Protein backbone atom coordinates (compact mmCIF):
# COMPACT_ATOMS: atom_id res chain seq x y z
CA MET A 1 -26.72 21.88 2.22
CA ARG A 2 -27.52 19.44 5.00
CA ASN A 3 -25.06 17.19 6.82
CA LYS A 4 -25.56 13.49 7.47
CA GLU A 5 -23.19 11.54 9.68
CA PHE A 6 -22.59 7.80 9.72
CA ILE A 7 -20.28 5.32 11.40
CA PHE A 8 -19.44 2.21 9.37
CA LYS A 9 -17.67 -0.80 10.82
CA ILE A 10 -15.63 -2.33 7.99
CA ALA A 11 -13.74 -5.64 8.21
CA VAL A 12 -10.58 -5.94 6.14
CA LEU A 13 -10.22 -9.65 5.42
CA GLY A 14 -7.83 -12.01 3.70
CA SER A 15 -5.09 -14.54 4.25
CA ALA A 16 -1.93 -13.69 6.18
CA GLY A 17 0.50 -11.56 4.18
CA VAL A 18 -1.87 -10.31 1.45
CA GLY A 19 -1.32 -6.68 2.45
CA LYS A 20 -4.38 -5.81 4.54
CA THR A 21 -2.43 -3.69 7.03
CA SER A 22 -0.42 -2.09 4.23
CA LEU A 23 -3.63 -1.12 2.39
CA ILE A 24 -5.02 0.48 5.54
CA ASN A 25 -1.75 2.30 6.28
CA ARG A 26 -1.59 3.60 2.70
CA TYR A 27 -5.21 4.79 2.89
CA VAL A 28 -5.15 6.31 6.38
CA ASP A 29 -1.56 7.57 6.68
CA ARG A 30 -0.50 7.66 3.00
CA MET A 31 2.55 5.56 3.77
CA PHE A 32 4.00 2.12 3.11
CA LYS A 33 6.35 0.15 5.35
CA GLU A 34 8.61 -2.48 3.79
CA ASP A 35 8.97 -4.49 7.00
CA TYR A 36 6.16 -6.97 7.53
CA LYS A 37 4.81 -7.61 11.02
CA PRO A 38 1.74 -9.85 11.23
CA THR A 39 -1.36 -8.40 12.89
CA LEU A 40 -2.10 -10.08 16.21
CA GLY A 41 -5.85 -10.65 16.63
CA ALA A 42 -7.26 -7.39 15.32
CA SER A 43 -6.15 -3.82 14.87
CA ILE A 44 -8.76 -1.05 14.79
CA ILE A 45 -8.17 2.19 12.90
CA ALA A 46 -10.63 5.05 12.30
CA LYS A 47 -10.72 7.44 9.37
CA ASP A 48 -13.25 10.14 8.55
CA VAL A 49 -14.39 10.49 4.95
CA GLU A 50 -16.46 13.32 3.48
CA MET A 51 -18.56 13.05 0.32
CA THR A 52 -21.12 15.35 -1.18
CA SER A 53 -24.14 14.85 -3.35
CA ILE A 54 -26.27 17.62 -4.83
CA ASP A 55 -27.81 18.68 -1.51
CA THR A 56 -26.10 16.61 1.18
CA LYS A 57 -22.67 16.46 2.77
CA TYR A 58 -21.93 12.97 4.10
CA ILE A 59 -19.49 12.64 6.96
CA VAL A 60 -18.62 8.98 7.40
CA ARG A 61 -16.38 7.61 10.11
CA LEU A 62 -14.87 4.36 8.93
CA VAL A 63 -13.89 2.03 11.73
CA LEU A 64 -11.55 -0.35 9.96
CA TRP A 65 -11.05 -3.73 11.59
CA ASP A 66 -7.80 -5.23 10.33
CA LEU A 67 -8.27 -8.90 11.17
CA ALA A 68 -5.35 -11.27 11.51
CA GLY A 69 -5.19 -13.83 8.72
CA GLN A 70 -3.39 -16.56 10.65
CA GLU A 71 -5.24 -19.80 11.40
CA LYS A 72 -4.68 -19.50 15.16
CA TYR A 73 -7.18 -16.58 15.27
CA GLU A 74 -9.95 -18.50 13.49
CA ASN A 75 -12.05 -19.12 16.63
CA VAL A 76 -12.20 -15.48 17.77
CA ARG A 77 -12.78 -13.92 14.34
CA PRO A 78 -16.60 -14.31 14.27
CA MET A 79 -17.07 -11.89 17.16
CA TYR A 80 -15.13 -9.25 15.21
CA PHE A 81 -17.68 -9.42 12.37
CA GLN A 82 -20.64 -8.44 14.56
CA GLY A 83 -21.97 -5.06 13.51
CA CYS A 84 -19.96 -4.95 10.26
CA ILE A 85 -21.77 -3.24 7.42
CA GLY A 86 -18.96 -3.75 4.94
CA ALA A 87 -15.86 -5.73 4.11
CA ILE A 88 -12.80 -5.41 1.96
CA LEU A 89 -11.83 -8.91 0.78
CA VAL A 90 -8.14 -8.87 -0.11
CA TYR A 91 -6.02 -11.41 -1.94
CA ASP A 92 -2.45 -11.28 -3.21
CA VAL A 93 -2.23 -11.47 -7.02
CA THR A 94 1.01 -13.47 -6.64
CA ARG A 95 -0.53 -16.18 -4.43
CA THR A 96 -3.28 -18.41 -5.82
CA SER A 97 -4.03 -19.86 -2.37
CA SER A 98 -5.00 -16.41 -1.03
CA PHE A 99 -7.35 -15.99 -4.01
CA LYS A 100 -9.08 -19.34 -3.43
CA GLU A 101 -9.57 -18.61 0.28
CA ILE A 102 -11.69 -15.51 -0.46
CA LYS A 103 -14.75 -17.58 -1.36
CA GLU A 104 -13.96 -20.73 0.63
CA LYS A 105 -13.21 -18.96 3.91
CA TRP A 106 -13.33 -15.17 4.22
CA LEU A 107 -16.58 -14.38 2.46
CA ARG A 108 -18.39 -17.33 4.03
CA ASP A 109 -17.38 -16.24 7.54
CA PHE A 110 -18.23 -12.60 6.89
CA GLN A 111 -21.69 -13.37 5.49
CA GLN A 112 -22.45 -15.67 8.41
CA PHE A 113 -21.77 -13.07 11.11
CA ALA A 114 -22.04 -9.56 9.56
CA LEU A 115 -25.15 -7.39 9.28
CA GLN A 116 -27.78 -8.28 6.69
CA ASN A 117 -27.48 -6.30 3.44
CA SER A 118 -23.82 -5.53 4.10
CA ALA A 119 -21.60 -4.70 1.12
CA TYR A 120 -18.18 -6.05 0.22
CA ILE A 121 -15.58 -5.34 -2.40
CA LEU A 122 -12.94 -7.69 -3.84
CA ILE A 123 -9.36 -6.39 -3.97
CA GLY A 124 -6.43 -7.98 -5.79
CA ASN A 125 -3.39 -6.44 -4.09
CA LYS A 126 0.33 -6.28 -4.96
CA ILE A 127 -0.04 -5.39 -8.64
CA ASP A 128 3.40 -3.76 -8.37
CA LEU A 129 4.69 -7.37 -8.47
CA ASN A 130 3.16 -7.99 -11.90
CA ASP A 131 6.09 -10.14 -13.05
CA LEU A 132 5.21 -12.61 -10.25
CA ARG A 133 1.46 -12.53 -10.93
CA LYS A 134 -0.41 -15.85 -10.60
CA VAL A 135 -4.03 -14.58 -10.58
CA SER A 136 -5.17 -12.73 -13.71
CA ASN A 137 -7.32 -9.62 -13.74
CA LYS A 138 -9.95 -11.65 -15.60
CA GLU A 139 -10.04 -14.26 -12.79
CA GLY A 140 -10.52 -11.45 -10.26
CA PHE A 141 -13.47 -10.03 -12.21
CA GLU A 142 -15.01 -13.49 -12.55
CA LEU A 143 -14.74 -14.14 -8.82
CA ALA A 144 -16.19 -10.71 -7.99
CA ASN A 145 -19.20 -11.47 -10.20
CA ASN A 146 -19.52 -14.97 -8.78
CA ILE A 147 -19.56 -13.80 -5.14
CA LYS A 148 -21.69 -10.72 -5.94
CA ALA A 149 -19.09 -8.22 -4.73
CA CYS A 150 -20.08 -4.59 -5.31
CA SER A 151 -16.87 -4.09 -7.28
CA PHE A 152 -13.44 -5.48 -8.09
CA ILE A 153 -10.31 -3.34 -8.00
CA GLU A 154 -6.63 -4.24 -8.26
CA THR A 155 -4.36 -2.23 -5.98
CA SER A 156 -0.81 -1.72 -4.87
CA ALA A 157 -0.39 -0.69 -1.26
CA LYS A 158 3.28 -0.10 -2.07
CA THR A 159 2.70 2.48 -4.83
CA GLY A 160 -0.75 3.60 -3.67
CA GLU A 161 -2.36 2.69 -7.00
CA ASN A 162 -6.18 2.49 -6.67
CA VAL A 163 -6.05 2.27 -2.84
CA ASN A 164 -8.31 5.29 -2.18
CA ASP A 165 -10.73 4.08 -4.85
CA CYS A 166 -11.45 0.77 -3.14
CA PHE A 167 -12.50 2.46 0.11
CA ILE A 168 -14.57 5.17 -1.63
CA VAL A 169 -16.39 2.66 -3.86
CA LEU A 170 -17.31 0.59 -0.78
CA VAL A 171 -18.54 3.63 1.20
CA LYS A 172 -20.72 4.77 -1.72
CA GLU A 173 -22.22 1.27 -2.05
CA ILE A 174 -23.05 1.13 1.67
CA LEU A 175 -24.66 4.58 1.53
CA LYS A 176 -26.76 3.46 -1.46
CA ARG A 177 -27.87 0.34 0.41
CA LEU A 178 -28.96 2.59 3.26
CA GLY A 179 -31.18 4.50 0.85
CA GLU A 180 -28.93 7.54 0.36
CA ASN A 181 -28.88 9.16 -3.06
CA ILE A 182 -25.15 9.63 -3.64
């Protein structure tokens, strides 16, 4: 079996308070913090992922760029997108405004400054708050199709539900776009 190594710069995007940092913490450290502290500018976290196909072991270093969602960081955000091959577009299922901003703001900015042929996935976060839900699963699927996301997954950073899946699905899509048979 042969080894192939990659480094993927991934932007984690969405409005302030949708749970971007919590998703990353759940994925990287398998933990959730109740106290919310907004990200200032950008936070960069690396995680190595291994996947295997029939004859190849893929070792992928994910360099996750957790970008601040606040308006005051709007002008510096484009430089963070340079070199990105993927994005995780996150909205909060309890906040319609965060859902609308995916297409109107986050995806538009990402596509303008990221690498050509980059992949992105749409994530509806905070499904543990289902009784407060404002954005239906159906609306999420429709938006994912509309923006040509590689997939749509609903997650809960608090419980960990589907968190690993969203990162793995994105990595597999990027590898496929690079011509790998995974």
